[in-house]
Structures are given as structure tokens and as C-alpha cells.
Protein backbone atom coordinates (compact mmCIF):
# COMPACT_ATOMS: atom_id res chain seq x y z
CA MET A 1 0.00 0.00 0.00
CA ALA A 2 1.34 3.43 -0.95
CA ALA A 3 1.64 6.17 1.63
CA ASP A 4 -0.30 9.41 1.13
CA PHE A 5 1.94 12.45 1.58
CA ARG A 6 0.72 16.06 1.69
CA ALA A 7 2.49 19.29 2.64
CA THR A 8 1.68 21.96 5.20
CA ARG A 9 0.09 25.09 3.75
CA GLU A 10 0.91 27.94 6.13
CA PRO A 11 4.20 29.45 7.36
CA ALA A 12 3.27 28.44 10.94
CA THR A 13 1.24 25.21 11.06
CA VAL A 14 0.42 23.97 14.57
CA LEU A 15 0.46 20.22 15.21
CA TYR A 16 -1.54 18.83 18.12
CA ASP A 17 -1.27 15.69 20.25
CA ALA A 18 -4.61 14.48 18.83
CA PRO A 19 -6.86 15.37 15.86
CA SER A 20 -9.11 17.76 17.82
CA ALA A 21 -9.49 21.47 18.57
CA ARG A 22 -9.32 20.56 22.28
CA ALA A 23 -5.97 18.82 21.92
CA ARG A 24 -2.71 20.21 23.27
CA PRO A 25 -0.42 21.98 20.72
CA LEU A 26 2.97 20.25 20.47
CA PHE A 27 4.92 21.46 17.41
CA VAL A 28 4.93 24.19 14.81
CA TYR A 29 5.95 23.28 11.26
CA GLY A 30 6.79 25.71 8.51
CA ARG A 31 5.28 25.88 5.05
CA ASP A 32 5.70 23.01 2.55
CA VAL A 33 6.78 20.42 5.13
CA PRO A 34 5.84 16.95 3.82
CA VAL A 35 3.77 14.79 6.19
CA GLU A 36 2.20 11.37 5.81
CA THR A 37 -1.56 11.28 6.35
CA LEU A 38 -2.79 8.35 8.44
CA VAL A 39 -6.53 8.96 8.86
CA SER A 40 -8.98 11.86 8.46
CA VAL A 41 -11.76 12.52 10.99
CA GLU A 42 -14.24 15.43 11.06
CA GLY A 43 -12.04 18.11 9.48
CA TRP A 44 -8.86 16.89 11.15
CA THR A 45 -6.12 14.60 9.89
CA LYS A 46 -3.88 12.33 11.92
CA ILE A 47 -0.34 12.53 10.51
CA ARG A 48 3.28 11.64 11.08
CA ASP A 49 6.40 13.33 9.75
CA ALA A 50 7.89 12.18 6.45
CA ALA A 51 10.69 10.24 8.16
CA GLY A 52 8.18 8.43 10.37
CA THR A 53 9.94 9.48 13.57
CA ILE A 54 7.18 11.67 15.00
CA GLY A 55 3.71 10.20 14.68
CA ASP A 56 0.07 10.35 15.69
CA LEU A 57 -0.16 14.13 15.52
CA GLY A 58 -3.31 16.03 14.64
CA ILE A 59 -3.53 18.82 12.09
CA ASP A 60 -6.52 20.85 10.93
CA ARG A 61 -7.20 19.64 7.38
CA LYS A 62 -7.49 23.26 6.17
CA ARG A 63 -3.81 23.73 7.08
CA MET A 64 -2.71 21.10 4.56
CA GLN A 65 -2.25 21.53 0.83
CA GLY A 66 -4.57 19.56 -1.42
CA ASP A 67 -1.81 18.41 -3.77
CA MET A 68 -0.15 15.08 -3.11
CA VAL A 69 3.60 15.18 -2.55
CA VAL A 70 6.08 12.53 -3.70
CA LEU A 71 9.34 12.08 -1.81
CA PHE A 72 12.39 10.44 -3.34
CA ALA A 73 16.05 10.09 -2.45
CA ASP A 74 18.47 12.15 -4.53
CA PRO A 75 21.81 10.30 -4.38
CA ARG A 76 23.69 13.21 -5.96
CA LYS A 77 22.77 15.58 -3.16
CA ARG A 78 22.37 12.93 -0.42
CA ARG A 79 19.01 14.20 0.72
CA MET A 80 15.30 13.74 0.15
CA ARG A 81 13.61 15.72 -2.62
CA ARG A 82 9.93 16.65 -2.87
CA VAL A 83 7.79 16.87 -6.01
CA ARG A 84 4.16 18.01 -6.14
CA LEU A 85 1.74 16.04 -8.28
């Protein structure tokens, strides 16, 4: 099964400890940060970071871009690259 990656939309996107307006804010991501979507519930999406190290965070779905994002390894530059579909 392929993973679904999206990117954050705003310069300061708040991530919460659960997908809810009542949840506690934990992190702030910048714009265009790729995240893997896990599940969507009532206007919120449960995500984890692209590397899979930080997971089960909640983000308001309006704060995510609608375009899918593809990540691939660039061996010439030794880093991950992002392409919008």
C-alpha cells in the first residue's frame, strides 16, 4: 500500500497531540513540510512526519495543501527531494 503524503500550507502550522481542537499543541511546522496522512476525521487529519519518527499528531485539514507530494532520495545531493503532483 502506498503512503499518502501532503504538505503543510501555512508558514506556521500547529500540530496537536490528537486530531481535535481541544488537543494540546505540540509542534509548529513551517510551510511546505511533507507529512504522511494516516486517517482523516471530522475536518482533522492524523499525521506523522515524512521520516516516520514523529507520529500520531493532529492537524486541521485546512492547514494542509490539497496536492499530493512525492518524496524520493536524490543520491547526488544525499538528501530527500519533494515533487508536487
